[in-house]
Structures are given as structure tokens and as C-alpha cells.
């Protein structure tokens, strides 16, 4: 990140997952600027399946 590169997908997705599992995100959340790559998108889909979180609006 210090060199202007994107953070590793695994790190970003892990941070997003941990945040979405907090109590205050249970009634909804907004993601802006994510996912930024097909890899992040696939990992995010995997998290949605794993956690049972449903995306209602895009």
C-alpha cells in the first residue's frame, strides 16, 4: 500500500468479512469501491455463501 499498490485480496476480504459480521452491520451495509478485482469478487461471493448474508440491492 505504501507504494500505491492495492492491498492483497486476502487481506481486504478478511477485513470486509470481519466488519460485516459485527452486530451493527446485521441490518445492512454499504460497500463502496469494493470489489476492485475479479479475485476479490469471487472471494466476496464465497463469504456471502459461507455466512448466509444476502445482497438485496446493487
Protein backbone atom coordinates (compact mmCIF):
# COMPACT_ATOMS: atom_id res chain seq x y z
CA UNK A 1 0.00 0.00 0.00
CA UNK A 2 2.85 2.39 0.73
CA UNK A 3 3.94 2.02 -2.88
CA UNK A 4 0.49 2.81 -4.26
CA UNK A 5 -0.39 -0.82 -4.94
CA UNK A 6 -3.64 -2.50 -3.97
CA UNK A 7 -3.62 -4.41 -0.71
CA UNK A 8 -3.61 -8.19 -1.12
CA UNK A 9 -7.10 -9.54 -1.87
CA UNK A 10 -6.97 -11.96 1.05
CA UNK A 11 -6.30 -9.11 3.49
CA UNK A 12 -9.03 -6.86 2.10
CA UNK A 13 -11.62 -9.63 2.03
CA UNK A 14 -10.75 -10.75 5.57
CA UNK A 15 -11.22 -7.17 6.83
CA UNK A 16 -14.55 -6.86 4.99
CA UNK A 17 -15.76 -10.21 6.37
CA UNK A 18 -14.84 -9.32 9.94
CA UNK A 19 -16.63 -6.00 9.60
CA UNK A 20 -19.79 -7.49 8.10
CA UNK A 21 -20.08 -9.97 10.95
CA UNK A 22 -20.26 -7.23 13.60
CA UNK A 23 -23.63 -6.60 15.23
CA UNK A 24 -24.11 -3.13 13.76
CA UNK A 25 -23.92 -4.49 10.20
CA UNK A 26 -26.68 -7.04 10.69
CA UNK A 27 -29.40 -4.68 9.43
CA UNK A 28 -27.49 -3.73 6.30
CA UNK A 29 -24.30 -2.24 4.97
CA UNK A 30 -22.96 -0.26 2.02
CA UNK A 31 -19.77 -1.17 0.20
CA UNK A 32 -18.14 1.50 -1.96
CA UNK A 33 -15.12 0.73 -4.12
CA UNK A 34 -15.24 -2.98 -3.42
CA UNK A 35 -14.64 -5.39 -5.03
CA UNK A 36 -11.84 -3.99 -7.17
CA UNK A 37 -10.82 -7.19 -8.92
CA UNK A 38 -12.39 -10.43 -10.13
CA UNK A 39 -10.42 -12.22 -7.40
CA UNK A 40 -11.97 -10.03 -4.69
CA UNK A 41 -15.42 -10.52 -6.23
CA UNK A 42 -15.07 -14.30 -6.13
CA UNK A 43 -13.80 -14.26 -2.57
CA UNK A 44 -16.70 -11.98 -1.58
CA UNK A 45 -19.20 -14.38 -3.16
CA UNK A 46 -17.62 -17.19 -1.16
CA UNK A 47 -18.05 -15.19 2.05
CA UNK A 48 -21.69 -14.47 1.22
CA UNK A 49 -22.33 -18.19 0.76
CA UNK A 50 -20.38 -19.13 3.89
CA UNK A 51 -22.10 -16.61 6.17
CA UNK A 52 -25.57 -16.65 4.65
CA UNK A 53 -25.50 -12.89 4.08
CA UNK A 54 -27.80 -11.96 1.20
CA UNK A 55 -27.23 -8.97 -1.06
CA UNK A 56 -30.58 -7.32 -1.70
CA UNK A 57 -29.61 -4.26 -3.78
CA UNK A 58 -26.76 -3.38 -6.10
